[in-house]
Amino acid sequence: MSGILYTILIGAVIGILARLIKPGADPMGWVLTIVLGIAGSWLGSYVAPMLGLSGGFTGFAVSIACAVILLFLFELIRKKK
């Protein structure tokens, strides 16, 4: 149970930081922000080792960067509809 809560907490932090970094207003709620952060963290855990980065702050930074990229993609998909 604590693993799920930890995932939600880290997802929220990464999602909030990604939304602060990306300019513009993003009309998404807190649940979608957490999902964005979890997806960015998951993607970052695969991208970081490919770039030769691992663990600690660098892994966290890569996760935030991936979340920002996902946020841009979300905005593109949302504008098409």
C-alpha atoms as a PDB file:
ATOM      1  CA  MET A   1       0.000   0.000   0.000  1.00  0.00           C
ATOM      2  CA  SER A   2       2.836   2.412   0.741  1.00  0.00           C
ATOM      3  CA  GLY A   3       4.282   1.822  -2.739  1.00  0.00           C
ATOM      4  CA  ILE A   4       1.085   3.102  -4.349  1.00  0.00           C
ATOM      5  CA  LEU A   5       1.029   6.183  -2.115  1.00  0.00           C
ATOM      6  CA  TYR A   6       4.701   6.857  -2.876  1.00  0.00           C
ATOM      7  CA  THR A   7       4.007   6.583  -6.616  1.00  0.00           C
ATOM      8  CA  ILE A   8       1.087   9.015  -6.336  1.00  0.00           C
ATOM      9  CA  LEU A   9       3.158  11.467  -4.277  1.00  0.00           C
ATOM     10  CA  ILE A  10       6.135  11.422  -6.642  1.00  0.00           C
ATOM     11  CA  GLY A  11       3.764  11.644  -9.627  1.00  0.00           C
ATOM     12  CA  ALA A  12       2.125  14.715  -8.106  1.00  0.00           C
ATOM     13  CA  VAL A  13       5.481  16.414  -7.490  1.00  0.00           C
ATOM     14  CA  ILE A  14       6.778  15.685 -10.991  1.00  0.00           C
ATOM     15  CA  GLY A  15       3.467  16.690 -12.594  1.00  0.00           C
ATOM     16  CA  ILE A  16       3.295  19.976 -10.677  1.00  0.00           C
ATOM     17  CA  LEU A  17       6.911  20.839 -11.520  1.00  0.00           C
ATOM     18  CA  ALA A  18       6.311  20.016 -15.197  1.00  0.00           C
ATOM     19  CA  ARG A  19       3.277  22.299 -15.269  1.00  0.00           C
ATOM     20  CA  LEU A  20       5.297  25.088 -13.619  1.00  0.00           C
ATOM     21  CA  ILE A  21       8.127  24.742 -16.154  1.00  0.00           C
ATOM     22  CA  LYS A  22       5.919  24.664 -19.271  1.00  0.00           C
ATOM     23  CA  PRO A  23       4.591  28.108 -20.155  1.00  0.00           C
ATOM     24  CA  GLY A  24       0.888  28.730 -20.663  1.00  0.00           C
ATOM     25  CA  ALA A  25      -2.290  27.696 -18.938  1.00  0.00           C
ATOM     26  CA  ASP A  26      -3.055  23.993 -18.961  1.00  0.00           C
ATOM     27  CA  PRO A  27      -6.660  23.265 -18.003  1.00  0.00           C
ATOM     28  CA  MET A  28      -6.158  19.951 -16.235  1.00  0.00           C
ATOM     29  CA  GLY A  29      -7.195  18.840 -12.808  1.00  0.00           C
ATOM     30  CA  TRP A  30      -5.084  17.407 -10.065  1.00  0.00           C
ATOM     31  CA  VAL A  31      -5.809  13.786 -11.063  1.00  0.00           C
ATOM     32  CA  LEU A  32      -4.556  14.366 -14.606  1.00  0.00           C
ATOM     33  CA  THR A  33      -1.530  16.194 -13.194  1.00  0.00           C
ATOM     34  CA  ILE A  34      -0.685  13.143 -11.072  1.00  0.00           C
ATOM     35  CA  VAL A  35      -1.162  10.827 -14.074  1.00  0.00           C
ATOM     36  CA  LEU A  36       1.101  13.120 -16.113  1.00  0.00           C
ATOM     37  CA  GLY A  37       3.764  12.952 -13.400  1.00  0.00           C
ATOM     38  CA  ILE A  38       3.536   9.170 -13.100  1.00  0.00           C
ATOM     39  CA  ALA A  39       3.795   8.777 -16.889  1.00  0.00           C
ATOM     40  CA  GLY A  40       6.758  11.182 -17.009  1.00  0.00           C
ATOM     41  CA  SER A  41       8.482   9.286 -14.225  1.00  0.00           C
ATOM     42  CA  TRP A  42       7.878   5.954 -15.930  1.00  0.00           C
ATOM     43  CA  LEU A  43       9.161   7.264 -19.260  1.00  0.00           C
ATOM     44  CA  GLY A  44      12.124   8.917 -17.547  1.00  0.00           C
ATOM     45  CA  SER A  45      13.101   5.623 -15.926  1.00  0.00           C
ATOM     46  CA  TYR A  46      13.613   4.204 -19.438  1.00  0.00           C
ATOM     47  CA  VAL A  47      15.182   7.287 -21.040  1.00  0.00           C
ATOM     48  CA  ALA A  48      17.717   8.124 -18.301  1.00  0.00           C
ATOM     49  CA  PRO A  49      19.780   4.910 -18.632  1.00  0.00           C
ATOM     50  CA  MET A  50      19.814   5.355 -22.426  1.00  0.00           C
ATOM     51  CA  LEU A  51      21.427   8.755 -21.891  1.00  0.00           C
ATOM     52  CA  GLY A  52      23.926   7.345 -19.402  1.00  0.00           C
ATOM     53  CA  LEU A  53      22.227   9.043 -16.452  1.00  0.00           C
ATOM     54  CA  SER A  54      20.991   7.145 -13.465  1.00  0.00           C
ATOM     55  CA  GLY A  55      19.561   7.670 -10.038  1.00  0.00           C
ATOM     56  CA  GLY A  56      19.285  10.624  -7.748  1.00  0.00           C
ATOM     57  CA  PHE A  57      18.733  14.136  -8.984  1.00  0.00           C
ATOM     58  CA  THR A  58      19.577  13.413 -12.630  1.00  0.00           C
ATOM     59  CA  GLY A  59      16.913  10.713 -12.855  1.00  0.00           C
ATOM     60  CA  PHE A  60      14.412  13.073 -11.252  1.00  0.00           C
ATOM     61  CA  ALA A  61      15.342  15.827 -13.730  1.00  0.00           C
ATOM     62  CA  VAL A  62      14.934  13.476 -16.690  1.00  0.00           C
ATOM     63  CA  SER A  63      11.516  12.442 -15.350  1.00  0.00           C
ATOM     64  CA  ILE A  64      10.455  16.090 -15.167  1.00  0.00           C
ATOM     65  CA  ALA A  65      11.736  16.714 -18.703  1.00  0.00           C
ATOM     66  CA  CYS A  66       9.761  13.705 -19.958  1.00  0.00           C
ATOM     67  CA  ALA A  67       6.655  15.001 -18.187  1.00  0.00           C
ATOM     68  CA  VAL A  68       7.077  18.392 -19.881  1.00  0.00           C
ATOM     69  CA  ILE A  69       7.322  16.657 -23.263  1.00  0.00           C
ATOM     70  CA  LEU A  70       4.186  14.650 -22.467  1.00  0.00           C
ATOM     71  CA  LEU A  71       2.466  17.892 -21.488  1.00  0.00           C
ATOM     72  CA  PHE A  72       3.301  19.391 -24.892  1.00  0.00           C
ATOM     73  CA  LEU A  73       1.949  16.251 -26.584  1.00  0.00           C
ATOM     74  CA  PHE A  74      -1.209  16.415 -24.480  1.00  0.00           C
ATOM     75  CA  GLU A  75      -1.722  20.017 -25.553  1.00  0.00           C
ATOM     76  CA  LEU A  76      -1.292  19.093 -29.230  1.00  0.00           C
ATOM     77  CA  ILE A  77      -3.819  16.264 -28.962  1.00  0.00           C
ATOM     78  CA  ARG A  78      -6.265  18.437 -27.084  1.00  0.00           C
ATOM     79  CA  LYS A  79      -6.088  21.237 -29.681  1.00  0.00           C
ATOM     80  CA  LYS A  80      -6.907  18.834 -32.536  1.00  0.00           C
ATOM     81  CA  LYS A  81     -10.283  17.982 -31.035  1.00  0.00           C
END
